[in-house]
C-alpha atoms as a PDB file:
ATOM      1  CA  MET A   1      -9.463   3.835 -18.827  1.00  0.00           C
ATOM      2  CA  ASN A   2      -7.074   0.970 -18.334  1.00  0.00           C
ATOM      3  CA  VAL A   3      -7.903  -0.474 -15.042  1.00  0.00           C
ATOM      4  CA  LEU A   4      -6.057  -2.878 -12.819  1.00  0.00           C
ATOM      5  CA  ILE A   5      -8.176  -5.196 -10.516  1.00  0.00           C
ATOM      6  CA  THR A   6      -6.174  -7.292  -8.056  1.00  0.00           C
ATOM      7  CA  GLY A   7      -8.452 -10.136  -6.855  1.00  0.00           C
ATOM      8  CA  GLY A   8     -10.176  -9.775 -10.237  1.00  0.00           C
ATOM      9  CA  ALA A   9     -11.562 -13.488 -10.155  1.00  0.00           C
ATOM     10  CA  GLY A  10     -13.052 -13.016  -6.817  1.00  0.00           C
ATOM     11  CA  PHE A  11     -16.716 -12.241  -5.893  1.00  0.00           C
ATOM     12  CA  ILE A  12     -16.467  -8.452  -5.851  1.00  0.00           C
ATOM     13  CA  GLY A  13     -13.595  -8.356  -8.448  1.00  0.00           C
ATOM     14  CA  SER A  14     -15.553 -10.283 -10.966  1.00  0.00           C
ATOM     15  CA  HIS A  15     -18.616  -8.197 -10.723  1.00  0.00           C
ATOM     16  CA  LEU A  16     -16.422  -4.914 -10.888  1.00  0.00           C
ATOM     17  CA  SER A  17     -14.660  -6.369 -14.091  1.00  0.00           C
ATOM     18  CA  GLU A  18     -18.031  -6.911 -15.574  1.00  0.00           C
ATOM     19  CA  ARG A  19     -19.400  -3.473 -14.762  1.00  0.00           C
ATOM     20  CA  LEU A  20     -16.267  -1.637 -16.129  1.00  0.00           C
ATOM     21  CA  LEU A  21     -16.111  -3.672 -19.353  1.00  0.00           C
ATOM     22  CA  ALA A  22     -19.693  -2.667 -19.845  1.00  0.00           C
ATOM     23  CA  ASN A  23     -18.558   1.042 -19.361  1.00  0.00           C
ATOM     24  CA  GLY A  24     -15.832   0.590 -21.998  1.00  0.00           C
ATOM     25  CA  ASP A  25     -12.756   0.248 -19.798  1.00  0.00           C
ATOM     26  CA  GLU A  26      -9.859  -2.121 -20.531  1.00  0.00           C
ATOM     27  CA  ILE A  27      -9.450  -4.558 -17.619  1.00  0.00           C
ATOM     28  CA  TYR A  28      -6.168  -6.123 -16.286  1.00  0.00           C
ATOM     29  CA  ALA A  29      -6.934  -8.677 -13.624  1.00  0.00           C
ATOM     30  CA  ILE A  30      -4.576 -10.551 -11.242  1.00  0.00           C
ATOM     31  CA  ASP A  31      -5.773 -13.344  -9.038  1.00  0.00           C
ATOM     32  CA  ASP A  32      -3.945 -16.283  -7.245  1.00  0.00           C
ATOM     33  CA  LEU A  33      -7.308 -18.306  -7.191  1.00  0.00           C
ATOM     34  CA  SER A  34      -6.888 -18.905  -3.325  1.00  0.00           C
ATOM     35  CA  THR A  35     -10.346 -17.722  -2.687  1.00  0.00           C
ATOM     36  CA  GLY A  36     -11.279 -16.537  -6.256  1.00  0.00           C
ATOM     37  CA  SER A  37     -12.454 -18.767  -9.079  1.00  0.00           C
ATOM     38  CA  LEU A  38     -12.101 -18.961 -12.820  1.00  0.00           C
ATOM     39  CA  ASP A  39     -15.838 -19.853 -12.908  1.00  0.00           C
ATOM     40  CA  ASN A  40     -16.444 -16.229 -11.728  1.00  0.00           C
ATOM     41  CA  ILE A  41     -15.022 -14.666 -14.848  1.00  0.00           C
ATOM     42  CA  ARG A  42     -15.424 -17.516 -17.467  1.00  0.00           C
ATOM     43  CA  HIS A  43     -18.074 -15.440 -19.173  1.00  0.00           C
ATOM     44  CA  LEU A  44     -15.587 -12.593 -19.722  1.00  0.00           C
ATOM     45  CA  GLU A  45     -12.787 -14.722 -21.302  1.00  0.00           C
ATOM     46  CA  ASP A  46     -13.898 -13.958 -24.862  1.00  0.00           C
ATOM     47  CA  ASN A  47     -13.890 -10.167 -24.296  1.00  0.00           C
ATOM     48  CA  SER A  48     -10.878  -8.803 -25.909  1.00  0.00           C
ATOM     49  CA  ARG A  49     -10.613  -6.083 -23.330  1.00  0.00           C
ATOM     50  CA  PHE A  50     -10.323  -8.480 -20.488  1.00  0.00           C
ATOM     51  CA  HIS A  51      -6.812  -9.614 -19.533  1.00  0.00           C
ATOM     52  CA  LEU A  52      -6.309 -12.178 -16.754  1.00  0.00           C
ATOM     53  CA  LYS A  53      -2.917 -13.038 -14.984  1.00  0.00           C
ATOM     54  CA  ILE A  54      -2.851 -15.976 -12.630  1.00  0.00           C
ATOM     55  CA  GLY A  55      -0.504 -14.845  -9.950  1.00  0.00           C
ATOM     56  CA  THR A  56       0.031 -13.329  -6.547  1.00  0.00           C
ATOM     57  CA  VAL A  57       0.320  -9.680  -5.646  1.00  0.00           C
ATOM     58  CA  LEU A  58       3.209 -10.815  -3.527  1.00  0.00           C
ATOM     59  CA  ASP A  59       5.346 -11.078  -6.699  1.00  0.00           C
ATOM     60  CA  ARG A  60       6.499  -7.668  -7.814  1.00  0.00           C
ATOM     61  CA  GLU A  61       7.482  -9.047 -11.277  1.00  0.00           C
ATOM     62  CA  THR A  62       3.786 -10.257 -11.830  1.00  0.00           C
ATOM     63  CA  VAL A  63       2.301  -6.917 -10.716  1.00  0.00           C
ATOM     64  CA  GLU A  64       4.485  -4.387 -12.158  1.00  0.00           C
ATOM     65  CA  PRO A  65       3.709  -4.778 -15.860  1.00  0.00           C
ATOM     66  CA  PHE A  66       0.110  -4.427 -15.191  1.00  0.00           C
ATOM     67  CA  VAL A  67       0.502  -1.426 -12.893  1.00  0.00           C
ATOM     68  CA  ASP A  68       2.548   0.245 -15.653  1.00  0.00           C
ATOM     69  CA  LYS A  69      -0.335  -0.174 -18.135  1.00  0.00           C
ATOM     70  CA  CYS A  70      -3.072   1.240 -15.949  1.00  0.00           C
ATOM     71  CA  ASP A  71      -4.659   4.624 -14.992  1.00  0.00           C
ATOM     72  CA  LEU A  72      -6.616   3.276 -11.897  1.00  0.00           C
ATOM     73  CA  ILE A  73      -6.031   0.359  -9.630  1.00  0.00           C
ATOM     74  CA  TYR A  74      -8.632  -1.335  -7.480  1.00  0.00           C
ATOM     75  CA  HIS A  75      -6.768  -3.385  -4.869  1.00  0.00           C
ATOM     76  CA  LEU A  76      -9.187  -6.067  -3.880  1.00  0.00           C
ATOM     77  CA  ALA A  77      -6.720  -9.037  -3.425  1.00  0.00           C
ATOM     78  CA  ALA A  78      -6.720 -10.255   0.092  1.00  0.00           C
ATOM     79  CA  ALA A  79      -7.200 -13.206   2.330  1.00  0.00           C
ATOM     80  CA  VAL A  80     -10.889 -13.214   3.268  1.00  0.00           C
ATOM     81  CA  GLY A  81     -13.476 -15.069   5.133  1.00  0.00           C
ATOM     82  CA  VAL A  82     -13.353 -16.058   8.777  1.00  0.00           C
ATOM     83  CA  GLU A  83     -12.875 -19.810   8.298  1.00  0.00           C
ATOM     84  CA  TYR A  84      -9.928 -19.118   5.748  1.00  0.00           C
ATOM     85  CA  ILE A  85      -8.198 -16.662   8.130  1.00  0.00           C
ATOM     86  CA  ILE A  86      -8.361 -19.030  11.081  1.00  0.00           C
ATOM     87  CA  GLU A  87      -7.107 -21.990   9.062  1.00  0.00           C
ATOM     88  CA  ASN A  88      -4.465 -19.743   7.294  1.00  0.00           C
ATOM     89  CA  PRO A  89      -3.322 -17.163   9.767  1.00  0.00           C
ATOM     90  CA  LEU A  90       0.287 -16.717   8.504  1.00  0.00           C
ATOM     91  CA  HIS A  91      -0.539 -16.661   4.813  1.00  0.00           C
ATOM     92  CA  SER A  92      -3.299 -14.290   5.493  1.00  0.00           C
ATOM     93  CA  LEU A  93      -1.146 -11.786   7.365  1.00  0.00           C
ATOM     94  CA  ILE A  94       1.547 -11.924   4.711  1.00  0.00           C
ATOM     95  CA  ASN A  95      -0.748 -11.717   1.691  1.00  0.00           C
ATOM     96  CA  ASN A  96      -2.863  -8.809   3.134  1.00  0.00           C
ATOM     97  CA  ILE A  97       0.146  -6.709   4.489  1.00  0.00           C
ATOM     98  CA  ARG A  98       2.932  -7.498   2.027  1.00  0.00           C
ATOM     99  CA  GLY A  99       0.626  -7.614  -0.997  1.00  0.00           C
ATOM    100  CA  THR A 100      -0.520  -4.038  -0.257  1.00  0.00           C
ATOM    101  CA  GLU A 101       2.997  -2.868   0.354  1.00  0.00           C
ATOM    102  CA  VAL A 102       4.020  -4.073  -3.016  1.00  0.00           C
ATOM    103  CA  LEU A 103       1.095  -2.649  -4.831  1.00  0.00           C
ATOM    104  CA  LEU A 104       1.446   0.853  -3.197  1.00  0.00           C
ATOM    105  CA  GLU A 105       5.177   0.894  -3.956  1.00  0.00           C
ATOM    106  CA  LEU A 106       4.570   0.237  -7.523  1.00  0.00           C
ATOM    107  CA  ALA A 107       1.572   2.592  -7.893  1.00  0.00           C
ATOM    108  CA  ASN A 108       3.689   5.365  -6.329  1.00  0.00           C
ATOM    109  CA  GLN A 109       6.108   5.292  -9.379  1.00  0.00           C
ATOM    110  CA  ARG A 110       3.533   6.774 -11.574  1.00  0.00           C
ATOM    111  CA  LYS A 111       1.178   8.297  -8.808  1.00  0.00           C
ATOM    112  CA  THR A 112      -1.485   5.980 -10.025  1.00  0.00           C
ATOM    113  CA  ARG A 113      -4.812   6.283  -8.088  1.00  0.00           C
ATOM    114  CA  VAL A 114      -5.518   3.316  -5.781  1.00  0.00           C
ATOM    115  CA  ILE A 115      -8.800   2.185  -4.409  1.00  0.00           C
ATOM    116  CA  LEU A 116      -7.973   0.144  -1.397  1.00  0.00           C
ATOM    117  CA  ALA A 117     -10.476  -2.383  -0.211  1.00  0.00           C
ATOM    118  CA  SER A 118     -10.759  -2.486   3.593  1.00  0.00           C
ATOM    119  CA  THR A 119     -13.422  -3.937   5.989  1.00  0.00           C
ATOM    120  CA  SER A 120     -16.070  -3.263   8.514  1.00  0.00           C
ATOM    121  CA  GLU A 121     -13.900  -5.684  10.656  1.00  0.00           C
ATOM    122  CA  ILE A 122     -11.633  -2.678  11.330  1.00  0.00           C
ATOM    123  CA  TYR A 123     -14.218  -1.403  13.979  1.00  0.00           C
ATOM    124  CA  GLY A 124     -13.950  -4.713  15.868  1.00  0.00           C
ATOM    125  CA  LYS A 125     -16.389  -5.056  18.905  1.00  0.00           C
ATOM    126  CA  LYS A 126     -19.342  -2.702  19.542  1.00  0.00           C
ATOM    127  CA  ASN A 127     -17.931   0.402  21.296  1.00  0.00           C
ATOM    128  CA  GLY A 128     -20.974   2.111  22.558  1.00  0.00           C
ATOM    129  CA  ARG A 129     -21.300   4.460  19.440  1.00  0.00           C
ATOM    130  CA  VAL A 130     -23.439   2.967  16.683  1.00  0.00           C
ATOM    131  CA  PRO A 131     -23.742   2.851  13.800  1.00  0.00           C
ATOM    132  CA  PHE A 132     -20.051   2.913  12.987  1.00  0.00           C
ATOM    133  CA  LYS A 133     -18.413   6.110  11.638  1.00  0.00           C
ATOM    134  CA  GLU A 134     -15.110   6.275   9.830  1.00  0.00           C
ATOM    135  CA  ASP A 135     -13.369   8.123  12.737  1.00  0.00           C
ATOM    136  CA  ASP A 136     -14.678   5.972  15.525  1.00  0.00           C
ATOM    137  CA  ASP A 137     -12.244   4.082  17.975  1.00  0.00           C
ATOM    138  CA  ARG A 138     -11.304   0.380  17.320  1.00  0.00           C
ATOM    139  CA  VAL A 139     -12.086  -2.066  19.960  1.00  0.00           C
ATOM    140  CA  LEU A 140     -10.458  -5.487  19.470  1.00  0.00           C
ATOM    141  CA  GLY A 141      -9.934  -8.604  21.402  1.00  0.00           C
ATOM    142  CA  PRO A 142      -6.567 -10.218  22.529  1.00  0.00           C
ATOM    143  CA  THR A 143      -3.894 -11.309  20.068  1.00  0.00           C
ATOM    144  CA  THR A 144      -4.496 -14.916  21.074  1.00  0.00           C
ATOM    145  CA  ILE A 145      -7.827 -14.675  19.285  1.00  0.00           C
ATOM    146  CA  ILE A 146      -6.924 -15.401  15.571  1.00  0.00           C
ATOM    147  CA  ARG A 147      -9.908 -13.770  14.257  1.00  0.00           C
ATOM    148  CA  TRP A 148      -8.567 -10.244  15.157  1.00  0.00           C
ATOM    149  CA  SER A 149      -5.493 -10.911  12.937  1.00  0.00           C
ATOM    150  CA  TYR A 150      -7.648 -10.005   9.917  1.00  0.00           C
ATOM    151  CA  SER A 151      -8.807  -6.663  11.353  1.00  0.00           C
ATOM    152  CA  THR A 152      -5.209  -5.951  12.404  1.00  0.00           C
ATOM    153  CA  SER A 153      -3.834  -6.785   8.814  1.00  0.00           C
ATOM    154  CA  LYS A 154      -6.392  -4.473   7.173  1.00  0.00           C
ATOM    155  CA  ALA A 155      -5.648  -1.593   9.570  1.00  0.00           C
ATOM    156  CA  VAL A 156      -1.952  -1.904   8.622  1.00  0.00           C
ATOM    157  CA  ASP A 157      -3.061  -1.768   4.973  1.00  0.00           C
ATOM    158  CA  GLU A 158      -4.919   1.553   5.863  1.00  0.00           C
ATOM    159  CA  TYR A 159      -1.884   2.978   7.695  1.00  0.00           C
ATOM    160  CA  PHE A 160       0.332   2.138   4.751  1.00  0.00           C
ATOM    161  CA  ALA A 161      -2.203   3.964   2.387  1.00  0.00           C
ATOM    162  CA  LEU A 162      -2.573   6.875   4.464  1.00  0.00           C
ATOM    163  CA  ALA A 163       1.233   7.188   4.916  1.00  0.00           C
ATOM    164  CA  TYR A 164       1.666   7.096   1.217  1.00  0.00           C
ATOM    165  CA  TRP A 165      -0.898   9.806   0.781  1.00  0.00           C
ATOM    166  CA  ARG A 166       0.537  12.112   3.455  1.00  0.00           C
ATOM    167  CA  GLU A 167       4.254  11.684   2.557  1.00  0.00           C
ATOM    168  CA  LYS A 168       4.247  10.865  -1.175  1.00  0.00           C
ATOM    169  CA  LYS A 169       0.922  12.329  -2.252  1.00  0.00           C
ATOM    170  CA  LEU A 170      -0.138   8.959  -3.672  1.00  0.00           C
ATOM    171  CA  PRO A 171      -3.783   9.300  -4.430  1.00  0.00           C
ATOM    172  CA  VAL A 172      -5.362   6.507  -2.417  1.00  0.00           C
ATOM    173  CA  VAL A 173      -8.870   5.954  -1.399  1.00  0.00           C
ATOM    174  CA  ILE A 174      -9.868   3.617   1.385  1.00  0.00           C
ATOM    175  CA  VAL A 175     -13.247   1.815   1.213  1.00  0.00           C
ATOM    176  CA  ARG A 176     -14.658  -0.240   4.258  1.00  0.00           C
ATOM    177  CA  PHE A 177     -17.096  -2.761   2.932  1.00  0.00           C
ATOM    178  CA  PHE A 178     -19.995  -3.703   5.057  1.00  0.00           C
ATOM    179  CA  ASN A 179     -21.281  -7.371   4.214  1.00  0.00           C
ATOM    180  CA  VAL A 180     -21.518  -7.205   0.501  1.00  0.00           C
ATOM    181  CA  ILE A 181     -23.543 -10.071  -0.896  1.00  0.00           C
ATOM    182  CA  GLY A 182     -24.680 -11.345  -4.252  1.00  0.00           C
ATOM    183  CA  PRO A 183     -24.451 -14.129  -6.863  1.00  0.00           C
ATOM    184  CA  ARG A 184     -20.990 -15.887  -7.156  1.00  0.00           C
ATOM    185  CA  GLN A 185     -20.172 -15.425  -3.450  1.00  0.00           C
ATOM    186  CA  THR A 186     -19.196 -18.703  -1.960  1.00  0.00           C
ATOM    187  CA  GLY A 187     -19.787 -19.755   1.656  1.00  0.00           C
ATOM    188  CA  GLN A 188     -16.685 -21.991   1.496  1.00  0.00           C
ATOM    189  CA  PHE A 189     -14.579 -19.542   3.609  1.00  0.00           C
ATOM    190  CA  GLY A 190     -17.252 -18.519   6.052  1.00  0.00           C
ATOM    191  CA  SER A 191     -19.600 -15.921   4.237  1.00  0.00           C
ATOM    192  CA  VAL A 192     -22.927 -16.498   5.922  1.00  0.00           C
ATOM    193  CA  VAL A 193     -25.572 -15.784   3.130  1.00  0.00           C
ATOM    194  CA  PRO A 194     -24.292 -18.228   0.546  1.00  0.00           C
ATOM    195  CA  ARG A 195     -23.683 -20.841   3.314  1.00  0.00           C
ATOM    196  CA  PHE A 196     -27.306 -20.471   4.509  1.00  0.00           C
ATOM    197  CA  VAL A 197     -28.581 -20.653   0.930  1.00  0.00           C
ATOM    198  CA  LYS A 198     -26.680 -23.722   0.057  1.00  0.00           C
ATOM    199  CA  GLN A 199     -27.701 -25.546   3.266  1.00  0.00           C
ATOM    200  CA  SER A 200     -31.319 -24.699   2.650  1.00  0.00           C
ATOM    201  CA  LEU A 201     -31.420 -25.759  -0.908  1.00  0.00           C
ATOM    202  CA  LEU A 202     -29.853 -29.108  -0.086  1.00  0.00           C
ATOM    203  CA  GLY A 203     -32.116 -29.613   2.923  1.00  0.00           C
ATOM    204  CA  HIS A 204     -29.238 -29.569   5.300  1.00  0.00           C
ATOM    205  CA  PRO A 205     -29.361 -28.090   8.805  1.00  0.00           C
ATOM    206  CA  ILE A 206     -28.852 -24.326   8.632  1.00  0.00           C
ATOM    207  CA  SER A 207     -25.921 -23.778  11.015  1.00  0.00           C
ATOM    208  CA  VAL A 208     -26.233 -20.622  13.090  1.00  0.00           C
ATOM    209  CA  HIS A 209     -23.090 -19.836  15.167  1.00  0.00           C
ATOM    210  CA  GLY A 210     -23.779 -18.892  18.747  1.00  0.00           C
ATOM    211  CA  ASP A 211     -27.412 -17.636  19.699  1.00  0.00           C
ATOM    212  CA  GLY A 212     -27.867 -15.955  16.349  1.00  0.00           C
ATOM    213  CA  GLU A 213     -28.496 -12.468  17.953  1.00  0.00           C
ATOM    214  CA  GLN A 214     -25.540 -10.921  16.031  1.00  0.00           C
ATOM    215  CA  ARG A 215     -26.889  -8.134  13.887  1.00  0.00           C
ATOM    216  CA  ARG A 216     -25.604  -7.356  10.281  1.00  0.00           C
ATOM    217  CA  CYS A 217     -26.636  -4.987   7.498  1.00  0.00           C
ATOM    218  CA  PHE A 218     -26.258  -6.602   4.128  1.00  0.00           C
ATOM    219  CA  THR A 219     -25.390  -4.685   0.881  1.00  0.00           C
ATOM    220  CA  ASP A 220     -26.286  -5.808  -2.648  1.00  0.00           C
ATOM    221  CA  ILE A 221     -23.221  -6.036  -4.884  1.00  0.00           C
ATOM    222  CA  ASP A 222     -24.865  -3.652  -7.410  1.00  0.00           C
ATOM    223  CA  ASP A 223     -25.180  -0.921  -4.899  1.00  0.00           C
ATOM    224  CA  ALA A 224     -21.692  -1.610  -3.570  1.00  0.00           C
ATOM    225  CA  LEU A 225     -20.363  -1.092  -7.150  1.00  0.00           C
ATOM    226  CA  ASP A 226     -22.146   2.125  -7.543  1.00  0.00           C
ATOM    227  CA  GLY A 227     -20.442   3.591  -4.481  1.00  0.00           C
ATOM    228  CA  LEU A 228     -16.987   2.114  -5.309  1.00  0.00           C
ATOM    229  CA  ILE A 229     -16.925   3.391  -8.836  1.00  0.00           C
ATOM    230  CA  SER A 230     -18.158   6.880  -7.858  1.00  0.00           C
ATOM    231  CA  LEU A 231     -15.457   7.100  -5.194  1.00  0.00           C
ATOM    232  CA  ALA A 232     -12.746   5.961  -7.633  1.00  0.00           C
ATOM    233  CA  THR A 233     -13.405   8.970  -9.908  1.00  0.00           C
ATOM    234  CA  HIS A 234     -14.353  11.647  -7.418  1.00  0.00           C
ATOM    235  CA  PRO A 235     -11.646  14.425  -7.312  1.00  0.00           C
ATOM    236  CA  ASP A 236     -11.852  14.853  -3.492  1.00  0.00           C
ATOM    237  CA  SER A 237     -11.748  11.230  -2.307  1.00  0.00           C
ATOM    238  CA  PRO A 238      -7.971  10.585  -2.095  1.00  0.00           C
ATOM    239  CA  GLY A 239      -6.651  10.561   1.463  1.00  0.00           C
ATOM    240  CA  GLU A 240     -10.092   9.750   2.866  1.00  0.00           C
ATOM    241  CA  ILE A 241     -11.714   6.730   4.306  1.00  0.00           C
ATOM    242  CA  PHE A 242     -15.387   5.703   3.412  1.00  0.00           C
ATOM    243  CA  ASN A 243     -17.897   3.287   4.763  1.00  0.00           C
ATOM    244  CA  LEU A 244     -19.660   1.515   1.964  1.00  0.00           C
ATOM    245  CA  GLY A 245     -22.724  -0.525   2.924  1.00  0.00           C
ATOM    246  CA  SER A 246     -26.552  -0.315   3.219  1.00  0.00           C
ATOM    247  CA  ASP A 247     -28.653   1.251   5.821  1.00  0.00           C
ATOM    248  CA  ASN A 248     -31.970   0.482   4.038  1.00  0.00           C
ATOM    249  CA  GLU A 249     -34.789  -0.519   6.368  1.00  0.00           C
ATOM    250  CA  GLY A 250     -35.074  -4.255   6.351  1.00  0.00           C
ATOM    251  CA  ASN A 251     -31.373  -4.799   5.356  1.00  0.00           C
ATOM    252  CA  GLU A 252     -30.221  -4.761   9.087  1.00  0.00           C
ATOM    253  CA  ILE A 253     -31.273  -8.161  10.533  1.00  0.00           C
ATOM    254  CA  SER A 254     -30.105 -10.703  13.173  1.00  0.00           C
ATOM    255  CA  VAL A 255     -28.338 -13.795  11.904  1.00  0.00           C
ATOM    256  CA  LYS A 256     -31.159 -16.093  13.311  1.00  0.00           C
ATOM    257  CA  ASP A 257     -33.805 -13.998  11.526  1.00  0.00           C
ATOM    258  CA  LEU A 258     -31.650 -14.230   8.307  1.00  0.00           C
ATOM    259  CA  ALA A 259     -31.664 -17.879   8.705  1.00  0.00           C
ATOM    260  CA  GLU A 260     -35.451 -17.960   8.891  1.00  0.00           C
ATOM    261  CA  LYS A 261     -35.768 -15.591   6.030  1.00  0.00           C
ATOM    262  CA  VAL A 262     -33.513 -17.729   3.701  1.00  0.00           C
ATOM    263  CA  LYS A 263     -35.417 -21.001   4.751  1.00  0.00           C
ATOM    264  CA  GLY A 264     -38.702 -19.274   3.840  1.00  0.00           C
ATOM    265  CA  LEU A 265     -37.514 -17.952   0.528  1.00  0.00           C
ATOM    266  CA  THR A 266     -36.199 -21.404  -0.454  1.00  0.00           C
ATOM    267  CA  GLU A 267     -39.269 -23.221   0.943  1.00  0.00           C
ATOM    268  CA  SER A 268     -36.846 -25.467   2.704  1.00  0.00           C
ATOM    269  CA  ASP A 269     -37.533 -28.133   5.212  1.00  0.00           C
ATOM    270  CA  SER A 270     -34.125 -27.432   6.868  1.00  0.00           C
ATOM    271  CA  VAL A 271     -33.945 -27.199  10.604  1.00  0.00           C
ATOM    272  CA  ILE A 272     -32.118 -24.269  12.136  1.00  0.00           C
ATOM    273  CA  ASP A 273     -29.141 -25.709  14.141  1.00  0.00           C
ATOM    274  CA  TYR A 274     -27.480 -23.348  16.737  1.00  0.00           C
ATOM    275  CA  VAL A 275     -23.785 -24.326  16.933  1.00  0.00           C
ATOM    276  CA  PRO A 276     -21.824 -23.167  19.980  1.00  0.00           C
ATOM    277  CA  TYR A 277     -18.625 -21.283  18.860  1.00  0.00           C
ATOM    278  CA  GLU A 278     -16.356 -23.666  20.616  1.00  0.00           C
ATOM    279  CA  LYS A 279     -17.855 -26.441  18.481  1.00  0.00           C
ATOM    280  CA  ALA A 280     -17.647 -24.391  15.117  1.00  0.00           C
ATOM    281  CA  PHE A 281     -14.023 -23.154  15.692  1.00  0.00           C
ATOM    282  CA  ALA A 282     -10.895 -24.223  17.571  1.00  0.00           C
ATOM    283  CA  LYS A 283     -11.279 -23.239  21.203  1.00  0.00           C
ATOM    284  CA  GLY A 284      -9.977 -19.729  22.041  1.00  0.00           C
ATOM    285  CA  TRP A 285      -9.457 -18.818  18.322  1.00  0.00           C
ATOM    286  CA  TYR A 286     -12.656 -17.019  17.652  1.00  0.00           C
ATOM    287  CA  GLU A 287     -14.907 -14.123  18.972  1.00  0.00           C
ATOM    288  CA  ASP A 288     -17.895 -12.761  17.073  1.00  0.00           C
ATOM    289  CA  LEU A 289     -19.096  -9.186  16.625  1.00  0.00           C
ATOM    290  CA  ASN A 290     -22.524  -8.550  18.101  1.00  0.00           C
ATOM    291  CA  TYR A 291     -23.285  -5.523  15.867  1.00  0.00           C
ATOM    292  CA  ARG A 292     -21.880  -4.365  12.515  1.00  0.00           C
ATOM    293  CA  VAL A 293     -23.947  -1.525  10.764  1.00  0.00           C
ATOM    294  CA  PRO A 294     -22.425   1.567   9.034  1.00  0.00           C
ATOM    295  CA  ASN A 295     -23.064   5.244   9.145  1.00  0.00           C
ATOM    296  CA  LEU A 296     -23.206   6.465   5.618  1.00  0.00           C
ATOM    297  CA  GLU A 297     -23.224  10.128   6.036  1.00  0.00           C
ATOM    298  CA  LYS A 298     -19.836  10.671   4.577  1.00  0.00           C
ATOM    299  CA  ILE A 299     -20.094   8.743   1.408  1.00  0.00           C
ATOM    300  CA  ARG A 300     -23.656  10.284   0.820  1.00  0.00           C
ATOM    301  CA  SER A 301     -22.181  13.699   1.228  1.00  0.00           C
ATOM    302  CA  ALA A 302     -19.226  12.951  -1.053  1.00  0.00           C
ATOM    303  CA  VAL A 303     -20.781  11.281  -4.020  1.00  0.00           C
ATOM    304  CA  GLY A 304     -24.581  11.079  -3.431  1.00  0.00           C
ATOM    305  CA  TYR A 305     -24.310   7.270  -2.682  1.00  0.00           C
ATOM    306  CA  ASP A 306     -27.986   5.928  -2.301  1.00  0.00           C
ATOM    307  CA  PRO A 307     -28.308   2.089  -1.958  1.00  0.00           C
ATOM    308  CA  LYS A 308     -31.589   0.861  -3.208  1.00  0.00           C
ATOM    309  CA  VAL A 309     -31.664  -2.895  -3.297  1.00  0.00           C
ATOM    310  CA  SER A 310     -33.565  -4.701  -0.690  1.00  0.00           C
ATOM    311  CA  LEU A 311     -32.308  -7.694   1.298  1.00  0.00           C
ATOM    312  CA  ASP A 312     -35.125  -9.884  -0.041  1.00  0.00           C
ATOM    313  CA  THR A 313     -34.338  -8.816  -3.648  1.00  0.00           C
ATOM    314  CA  THR A 314     -30.585  -9.705  -3.236  1.00  0.00           C
ATOM    315  CA  LEU A 315     -31.436 -13.044  -1.598  1.00  0.00           C
ATOM    316  CA  ARG A 316     -33.821 -14.074  -4.345  1.00  0.00           C
ATOM    317  CA  ARG A 317     -30.970 -13.391  -6.911  1.00  0.00           C
ATOM    318  CA  ILE A 318     -28.571 -15.433  -4.833  1.00  0.00           C
ATOM    319  CA  ILE A 319     -31.053 -18.224  -4.589  1.00  0.00           C
ATOM    320  CA  ALA A 320     -31.734 -18.250  -8.325  1.00  0.00           C
ATOM    321  CA  HIS A 321     -27.918 -18.342  -9.114  1.00  0.00           C
ATOM    322  CA  SER A 322     -27.420 -21.121  -6.586  1.00  0.00           C
ATOM    323  CA  LEU A 323     -30.351 -23.148  -8.057  1.00  0.00           C
ATOM    324  CA  GLN A 324     -28.509 -23.061 -11.467  1.00  0.00           C
ATOM    325  CA  ASN A 325     -25.371 -24.406  -9.931  1.00  0.00           C
ATOM    326  CA  VAL A 326     -27.295 -27.158  -7.984  1.00  0.00           C
ATOM    327  CA  ASN A 327     -29.268 -28.045 -11.199  1.00  0.00           C
END
């Protein structure tokens, strides 16, 4: 197929491009490089079936020619990362909401299937029912906490997508990612695993925000791509929302235990430094989530999704990739 990937130079987008090229697809990628990097796709530049446009999804004239060429769209472009969202709140809202609006308007002209990347941040705070299911209530903090603007912007994206499905019959599939990690991910914008790995390899203090009791479930990029591509081609997935993550034993871990694990795997002498939230972020702008683990019954039932990669395996791959960059 001819496939459009917005955010194609990002962490997930670059891996997706690589996988689909291996499958024989023609890839058209758009990225404004705000959080993506040309280094992520440099190894694809000589492939005649990979076409990159540096530009923003906010620009209809940039996006429309690629949409017209493609049979399938993965809409991954978004402002991401806690630190980036907090430092760029206005741009993040505009980019996430207006960018999705432009993309859906154009896709609707040809009824091109869209895979919309959403987030586990949708669920907000732990609401008493865990792990999170797709139809669970959302529990967010006040609008004065900038952190919740990301969850809100992605919720608006989901509402747009569902409205296009219900009113226009545009085939849209919503995928909520849960902490996808792997090589090429950067800690520059707040992602915890690459930040811990970099700090450990450099012998710097490993900075854990708060008390480190926050629990996450990490998903290897290869497992995530298996689920994502399966949903993209499944006949009954349009109009539905799916969690995409990992519930493997050992992949759920507290942040402080993650820091210890990274320290051990890198054989680092780094100390673990517990940093109060008010020191790490501007006062009153941030709240953390104590628990973020997915219920995967729906995606398993739909496409037989079965994540296999252990957290230790993924961390070793990330460490090896990071060592190459350090060297």
